[in-house]
Amino acid sequence: MKIVQATSIQDYLDKYYKRDRYTGRGEEYAKVLLTSYQEEYAARGYICTSHHDNVTGEMIAWPYYPNQREV
């Protein structure tokens, strides 16, 4: 899993989520996805995205915790 850098959940989605699978599906879908990621972050303290849905082609996660190493 690759740890990525972002300043917020919105920034994470804007930088790393494939556009056609995020904003390309319409404004309403993008809002629902943002809300879902915000809920995941609140519950777990991190968010992650599969290699199918992000631009890196790898499984990614954010935020990075200083005590944590890439796996």
N, C-alpha and C. Protein backbone atom coordinates (compact mmCIF):
# COMPACT_ATOMS: atom_id res chain seq x y z
N MET A 1 0.85 -1.18 0.00
CA MET A 1 0.00 0.00 0.00
C MET A 1 0.89 1.24 0.00
N LYS A 2 0.55 2.18 -0.83
CA LYS A 2 1.30 3.42 -0.93
C LYS A 2 0.62 4.50 -0.09
N ILE A 3 1.40 5.18 0.75
CA ILE A 3 0.90 6.30 1.54
C ILE A 3 1.08 7.56 0.69
N VAL A 4 0.00 8.33 0.53
CA VAL A 4 0.06 9.53 -0.30
C VAL A 4 -0.12 10.79 0.55
N GLN A 5 0.23 11.91 -0.03
CA GLN A 5 0.14 13.20 0.65
C GLN A 5 -1.07 13.98 0.14
N ALA A 6 -1.77 14.60 1.07
CA ALA A 6 -2.89 15.47 0.74
C ALA A 6 -3.11 16.41 1.92
N THR A 7 -3.79 17.53 1.67
CA THR A 7 -4.05 18.48 2.74
C THR A 7 -5.43 18.32 3.35
N SER A 8 -6.29 17.57 2.67
CA SER A 8 -7.66 17.35 3.15
C SER A 8 -8.25 16.18 2.37
N ILE A 9 -9.41 15.75 2.78
CA ILE A 9 -10.09 14.67 2.04
C ILE A 9 -10.44 15.15 0.64
N GLN A 10 -10.90 16.38 0.53
CA GLN A 10 -11.22 16.94 -0.80
C GLN A 10 -9.98 16.96 -1.67
N ASP A 11 -8.85 17.39 -1.11
CA ASP A 11 -7.60 17.43 -1.85
C ASP A 11 -7.18 16.02 -2.28
N TYR A 12 -7.33 15.05 -1.39
CA TYR A 12 -7.03 13.65 -1.69
C TYR A 12 -7.83 13.18 -2.90
N LEU A 13 -9.13 13.42 -2.89
CA LEU A 13 -9.97 12.99 -4.01
C LEU A 13 -9.61 13.72 -5.29
N ASP A 14 -9.36 15.03 -5.18
CA ASP A 14 -9.00 15.82 -6.37
C ASP A 14 -7.68 15.35 -6.98
N LYS A 15 -6.71 15.00 -6.15
CA LYS A 15 -5.39 14.60 -6.64
C LYS A 15 -5.35 13.17 -7.14
N TYR A 16 -6.02 12.26 -6.44
CA TYR A 16 -5.78 10.85 -6.67
C TYR A 16 -6.94 10.05 -7.26
N TYR A 17 -8.17 10.48 -7.07
CA TYR A 17 -9.30 9.70 -7.59
C TYR A 17 -9.43 9.93 -9.09
N LYS A 18 -9.62 8.88 -9.86
CA LYS A 18 -9.79 9.04 -11.30
C LYS A 18 -10.99 9.93 -11.58
N ARG A 19 -10.80 10.94 -12.40
CA ARG A 19 -11.85 11.94 -12.68
C ARG A 19 -13.12 11.30 -13.23
N ASP A 20 -12.96 10.34 -14.14
CA ASP A 20 -14.15 9.73 -14.73
C ASP A 20 -14.96 8.94 -13.72
N ARG A 21 -14.33 8.53 -12.63
CA ARG A 21 -15.03 7.79 -11.58
C ARG A 21 -15.44 8.67 -10.41
N TYR A 22 -15.08 9.93 -10.45
CA TYR A 22 -15.39 10.88 -9.38
C TYR A 22 -16.28 11.98 -9.93
N THR A 23 -15.73 13.05 -10.42
CA THR A 23 -16.53 14.16 -10.93
C THR A 23 -17.16 13.85 -12.28
N GLY A 24 -16.59 12.87 -12.99
CA GLY A 24 -17.13 12.49 -14.29
C GLY A 24 -18.49 11.82 -14.21
N ARG A 25 -18.90 11.42 -13.02
CA ARG A 25 -20.21 10.79 -12.83
C ARG A 25 -21.27 11.78 -12.38
N GLY A 26 -20.89 13.06 -12.33
CA GLY A 26 -21.84 14.10 -11.97
C GLY A 26 -21.59 14.67 -10.58
N GLU A 27 -22.09 15.86 -10.37
CA GLU A 27 -21.88 16.59 -9.11
C GLU A 27 -22.49 15.85 -7.91
N GLU A 28 -23.66 15.30 -8.09
CA GLU A 28 -24.32 14.61 -6.98
C GLU A 28 -23.52 13.38 -6.54
N TYR A 29 -23.03 12.62 -7.52
CA TYR A 29 -22.21 11.45 -7.20
C TYR A 29 -20.94 11.87 -6.46
N ALA A 30 -20.29 12.93 -6.92
CA ALA A 30 -19.07 13.43 -6.29
C ALA A 30 -19.34 13.83 -4.84
N LYS A 31 -20.46 14.46 -4.57
CA LYS A 31 -20.81 14.86 -3.20
C LYS A 31 -21.01 13.63 -2.31
N VAL A 32 -21.68 12.63 -2.83
CA VAL A 32 -21.92 11.40 -2.07
C VAL A 32 -20.59 10.70 -1.78
N LEU A 33 -19.70 10.65 -2.76
CA LEU A 33 -18.40 10.02 -2.57
C LEU A 33 -17.59 10.78 -1.51
N LEU A 34 -17.58 12.10 -1.57
CA LEU A 34 -16.88 12.91 -0.58
C LEU A 34 -17.43 12.64 0.82
N THR A 35 -18.73 12.61 0.95
CA THR A 35 -19.35 12.32 2.25
C THR A 35 -18.95 10.94 2.75
N SER A 36 -18.94 9.97 1.86
CA SER A 36 -18.55 8.61 2.23
C SER A 36 -17.11 8.57 2.74
N TYR A 37 -16.21 9.25 2.06
CA TYR A 37 -14.82 9.30 2.50
C TYR A 37 -14.67 10.05 3.82
N GLN A 38 -15.46 11.10 4.03
CA GLN A 38 -15.42 11.83 5.29
C GLN A 38 -15.88 10.93 6.44
N GLU A 39 -16.91 10.14 6.21
CA GLU A 39 -17.40 9.21 7.22
C GLU A 39 -16.37 8.13 7.52
N GLU A 40 -15.72 7.62 6.48
CA GLU A 40 -14.68 6.60 6.66
C GLU A 40 -13.52 7.17 7.49
N TYR A 41 -13.12 8.39 7.17
CA TYR A 41 -12.03 9.04 7.91
C TYR A 41 -12.40 9.23 9.38
N ALA A 42 -13.62 9.69 9.63
CA ALA A 42 -14.09 9.90 11.00
C ALA A 42 -14.11 8.60 11.79
N ALA A 43 -14.48 7.53 11.16
CA ALA A 43 -14.59 6.23 11.83
C ALA A 43 -13.24 5.54 12.02
N ARG A 44 -12.34 5.69 11.04
CA ARG A 44 -11.10 4.91 11.07
C ARG A 44 -9.82 5.73 11.24
N GLY A 45 -9.90 7.03 10.95
CA GLY A 45 -8.71 7.87 11.05
C GLY A 45 -7.85 7.85 9.80
N TYR A 46 -8.31 7.19 8.76
CA TYR A 46 -7.61 7.16 7.49
C TYR A 46 -8.61 6.83 6.39
N ILE A 47 -8.19 7.05 5.15
CA ILE A 47 -8.99 6.65 4.00
C ILE A 47 -8.08 5.91 3.03
N CYS A 48 -8.66 5.03 2.25
CA CYS A 48 -7.87 4.31 1.25
C CYS A 48 -8.72 4.13 -0.01
N THR A 49 -8.02 3.91 -1.12
CA THR A 49 -8.66 3.77 -2.42
C THR A 49 -7.98 2.65 -3.19
N SER A 50 -8.76 1.82 -3.83
CA SER A 50 -8.22 0.70 -4.61
C SER A 50 -7.45 1.19 -5.84
N HIS A 51 -6.63 0.32 -6.37
CA HIS A 51 -5.86 0.67 -7.56
C HIS A 51 -6.75 0.90 -8.78
N HIS A 52 -7.95 0.39 -8.77
CA HIS A 52 -8.87 0.58 -9.89
C HIS A 52 -9.41 2.01 -9.96
N ASP A 53 -9.53 2.65 -8.79
CA ASP A 53 -10.19 3.96 -8.72
C ASP A 53 -9.25 5.15 -8.61
N ASN A 54 -7.95 4.92 -8.48
CA ASN A 54 -7.06 6.07 -8.34
C ASN A 54 -6.03 6.12 -9.46
N VAL A 55 -5.41 7.28 -9.61
CA VAL A 55 -4.52 7.54 -10.74
C VAL A 55 -3.13 6.93 -10.59
N THR A 56 -2.77 6.44 -9.42
CA THR A 56 -1.43 5.88 -9.22
C THR A 56 -1.33 4.44 -9.72
N GLY A 57 -2.45 3.74 -9.78
CA GLY A 57 -2.44 2.34 -10.16
C GLY A 57 -2.05 1.41 -9.02
N GLU A 58 -1.91 1.95 -7.82
CA GLU A 58 -1.58 1.18 -6.62
C GLU A 58 -2.67 1.41 -5.57
N MET A 59 -2.78 0.51 -4.62
CA MET A 59 -3.64 0.74 -3.46
C MET A 59 -3.01 1.90 -2.69
N ILE A 60 -3.82 2.93 -2.36
CA ILE A 60 -3.28 4.09 -1.65
C ILE A 60 -4.05 4.37 -0.37
N ALA A 61 -3.39 5.07 0.55
CA ALA A 61 -4.03 5.47 1.82
C ALA A 61 -3.54 6.85 2.23
N TRP A 62 -4.35 7.55 3.01
CA TRP A 62 -4.03 8.85 3.58
C TRP A 62 -4.77 8.97 4.89
N PRO A 63 -4.30 9.54 5.93
CA PRO A 63 -3.04 10.25 6.05
C PRO A 63 -1.92 9.33 6.47
N TYR A 64 -0.76 9.85 6.40
CA TYR A 64 0.45 9.16 6.83
C TYR A 64 0.70 9.47 8.30
N TYR A 65 0.94 8.46 9.07
CA TYR A 65 1.28 8.65 10.48
C TYR A 65 2.78 8.44 10.64
N PRO A 66 3.48 9.34 11.31
CA PRO A 66 4.94 9.25 11.43
C PRO A 66 5.45 7.90 11.94
N ASN A 67 4.70 7.20 12.76
CA ASN A 67 5.15 5.92 13.32
C ASN A 67 4.88 4.76 12.37
N GLN A 68 4.25 5.03 11.26
CA GLN A 68 3.82 3.98 10.35
C GLN A 68 4.77 3.89 9.16
N ARG A 69 5.05 2.68 8.71
CA ARG A 69 5.87 2.48 7.53
C ARG A 69 4.98 2.02 6.38
N GLU A 70 5.45 2.26 5.17
CA GLU A 70 4.73 1.74 4.01
C GLU A 70 4.77 0.22 4.06
N VAL A 71 3.70 -0.41 3.62
CA VAL A 71 3.62 -1.87 3.61
C VAL A 71 3.66 -2.35 2.17
